[in-house]
Amino acid sequence: MKSDVDKLVAKHAELIHSDGLKVHSHTQREDGDWILHTLMIDGYDVPFKFKRKKKYQSLKGTKVNMTYYPETVTVAGFEIETMKVVRIKRY
């Protein structure tokens, strides 16, 4: 029987799933009614972003499983690659 992650990855070819990623830093800031979370992962040079309605306990120093896809954002005329997190769970 396939897990939820396997079903998501099979349905959407651009999704990436990674297990046991160590969180280097975790910031949370308000963005309207939402809280924007930004994670930096050890071994990666791009930020991982997701939104939630509520604040989340700090993930700094923990390991997580994530499902995400690459995304390009334009900031002040520069294109910056980020990862948009679809699913995140503690390892």
C-alpha atoms as a PDB file:
ATOM      1  CA  MET A   1       0.000   0.000   0.000  1.00  0.00           C
ATOM      2  CA  LYS A   2       1.368   3.413  -0.973  1.00  0.00           C
ATOM      3  CA  SER A   3       1.867   6.129   1.636  1.00  0.00           C
ATOM      4  CA  ASP A   4       0.509   9.666   1.237  1.00  0.00           C
ATOM      5  CA  VAL A   5       3.975  10.888   0.217  1.00  0.00           C
ATOM      6  CA  ASP A   6       4.332   8.245  -2.487  1.00  0.00           C
ATOM      7  CA  LYS A   7       0.906   9.180  -3.877  1.00  0.00           C
ATOM      8  CA  LEU A   8       1.818  12.899  -3.976  1.00  0.00           C
ATOM      9  CA  VAL A   9       5.181  12.312  -5.671  1.00  0.00           C
ATOM     10  CA  ALA A  10       3.627   9.938  -8.225  1.00  0.00           C
ATOM     11  CA  LYS A  11       0.891  12.455  -9.074  1.00  0.00           C
ATOM     12  CA  HIS A  12       3.160  15.533  -9.329  1.00  0.00           C
ATOM     13  CA  ALA A  13       6.464  14.923 -11.120  1.00  0.00           C
ATOM     14  CA  GLU A  14       8.183  18.093  -9.874  1.00  0.00           C
ATOM     15  CA  LEU A  15       7.742  17.256  -6.165  1.00  0.00           C
ATOM     16  CA  ILE A  16      10.785  16.147  -4.170  1.00  0.00           C
ATOM     17  CA  HIS A  17      10.634  14.216  -0.877  1.00  0.00           C
ATOM     18  CA  SER A  18      13.545  14.140   1.566  1.00  0.00           C
ATOM     19  CA  ASP A  19      13.853  12.361   4.912  1.00  0.00           C
ATOM     20  CA  GLY A  20      16.009  13.288   7.902  1.00  0.00           C
ATOM     21  CA  LEU A  21      17.010  16.832   6.882  1.00  0.00           C
ATOM     22  CA  LYS A  22      18.627  18.796   9.725  1.00  0.00           C
ATOM     23  CA  VAL A  23      17.258  22.316  10.238  1.00  0.00           C
ATOM     24  CA  HIS A  24      20.013  24.920  10.616  1.00  0.00           C
ATOM     25  CA  SER A  25      17.708  27.911  11.261  1.00  0.00           C
ATOM     26  CA  HIS A  26      13.970  28.588  11.487  1.00  0.00           C
ATOM     27  CA  THR A  27      12.395  32.054  11.297  1.00  0.00           C
ATOM     28  CA  GLN A  28       8.731  33.013  11.586  1.00  0.00           C
ATOM     29  CA  ARG A  29       7.213  36.349  10.532  1.00  0.00           C
ATOM     30  CA  GLU A  30       3.731  37.675  10.021  1.00  0.00           C
ATOM     31  CA  ASP A  31       2.490  38.020   6.441  1.00  0.00           C
ATOM     32  CA  GLY A  32      -1.036  39.396   6.701  1.00  0.00           C
ATOM     33  CA  ASP A  33      -3.210  36.760   8.406  1.00  0.00           C
ATOM     34  CA  TRP A  34      -0.561  34.088   7.834  1.00  0.00           C
ATOM     35  CA  ILE A  35       2.758  33.250   9.496  1.00  0.00           C
ATOM     36  CA  LEU A  36       5.576  32.813   6.945  1.00  0.00           C
ATOM     37  CA  HIS A  37       8.116  30.185   8.016  1.00  0.00           C
ATOM     38  CA  THR A  38      11.581  30.049   6.474  1.00  0.00           C
ATOM     39  CA  LEU A  39      13.927  27.123   7.085  1.00  0.00           C
ATOM     40  CA  MET A  40      17.592  26.815   6.205  1.00  0.00           C
ATOM     41  CA  ILE A  41      18.692  23.197   5.910  1.00  0.00           C
ATOM     42  CA  ASP A  42      22.245  21.895   6.458  1.00  0.00           C
ATOM     43  CA  GLY A  43      23.865  21.178   3.080  1.00  0.00           C
ATOM     44  CA  TYR A  44      21.461  23.371   1.056  1.00  0.00           C
ATOM     45  CA  ASP A  45      21.985  26.988  -0.029  1.00  0.00           C
ATOM     46  CA  VAL A  46      18.317  27.818  -0.682  1.00  0.00           C
ATOM     47  CA  PRO A  47      15.563  28.741   1.790  1.00  0.00           C
ATOM     48  CA  PHE A  48      12.604  26.405   2.316  1.00  0.00           C
ATOM     49  CA  LYS A  49       9.349  28.359   2.816  1.00  0.00           C
ATOM     50  CA  PHE A  50       5.836  27.539   3.951  1.00  0.00           C
ATOM     51  CA  LYS A  51       2.851  29.351   5.476  1.00  0.00           C
ATOM     52  CA  ARG A  52       0.634  28.433   8.421  1.00  0.00           C
ATOM     53  CA  LYS A  53      -2.160  30.206  10.245  1.00  0.00           C
ATOM     54  CA  LYS A  54      -0.416  29.823  13.633  1.00  0.00           C
ATOM     55  CA  LYS A  55       3.133  30.028  14.938  1.00  0.00           C
ATOM     56  CA  TYR A  56       5.008  26.738  15.054  1.00  0.00           C
ATOM     57  CA  GLN A  57       7.420  25.537  17.699  1.00  0.00           C
ATOM     58  CA  SER A  58      11.020  26.184  16.700  1.00  0.00           C
ATOM     59  CA  LEU A  59      12.486  23.509  14.444  1.00  0.00           C
ATOM     60  CA  LYS A  60      16.084  24.715  14.824  1.00  0.00           C
ATOM     61  CA  GLY A  61      18.411  21.763  15.373  1.00  0.00           C
ATOM     62  CA  THR A  62      15.759  19.098  14.693  1.00  0.00           C
ATOM     63  CA  LYS A  63      15.446  16.662  11.810  1.00  0.00           C
ATOM     64  CA  VAL A  64      12.426  16.832   9.514  1.00  0.00           C
ATOM     65  CA  ASN A  65      10.858  15.010   6.587  1.00  0.00           C
ATOM     66  CA  MET A  66       9.732  17.385   3.832  1.00  0.00           C
ATOM     67  CA  THR A  67       7.946  17.275   0.526  1.00  0.00           C
ATOM     68  CA  TYR A  68       8.706  20.368  -1.569  1.00  0.00           C
ATOM     69  CA  TYR A  69       9.234  21.719  -5.061  1.00  0.00           C
ATOM     70  CA  PRO A  70      11.591  24.359  -6.526  1.00  0.00           C
ATOM     71  CA  GLU A  71      10.214  27.832  -7.097  1.00  0.00           C
ATOM     72  CA  THR A  72      11.756  31.029  -8.492  1.00  0.00           C
ATOM     73  CA  VAL A  73      10.895  34.366  -6.842  1.00  0.00           C
ATOM     74  CA  THR A  74      11.833  37.808  -8.186  1.00  0.00           C
ATOM     75  CA  VAL A  75      13.017  40.234  -5.489  1.00  0.00           C
ATOM     76  CA  ALA A  76      14.194  43.717  -6.471  1.00  0.00           C
ATOM     77  CA  GLY A  77      14.801  42.558 -10.047  1.00  0.00           C
ATOM     78  CA  PHE A  78      16.832  39.492  -9.038  1.00  0.00           C
ATOM     79  CA  GLU A  79      15.608  35.954  -9.495  1.00  0.00           C
ATOM     80  CA  ILE A  80      16.084  33.877  -6.350  1.00  0.00           C
ATOM     81  CA  GLU A  81      15.491  30.132  -6.127  1.00  0.00           C
ATOM     82  CA  THR A  82      13.494  28.937  -3.122  1.00  0.00           C
ATOM     83  CA  MET A  83      11.817  25.692  -2.173  1.00  0.00           C
ATOM     84  CA  LYS A  84       8.087  25.744  -1.485  1.00  0.00           C
ATOM     85  CA  VAL A  85       7.257  23.199   1.228  1.00  0.00           C
ATOM     86  CA  VAL A  86       4.055  21.249   0.708  1.00  0.00           C
ATOM     87  CA  ARG A  87       4.363  18.848   3.644  1.00  0.00           C
ATOM     88  CA  ILE A  88       6.626  18.882   6.707  1.00  0.00           C
ATOM     89  CA  LYS A  89       6.860  16.517   9.675  1.00  0.00           C
ATOM     90  CA  ARG A  90       9.363  15.973  12.455  1.00  0.00           C
ATOM     91  CA  TYR A  91      11.636  13.007  11.763  1.00  0.00           C
END
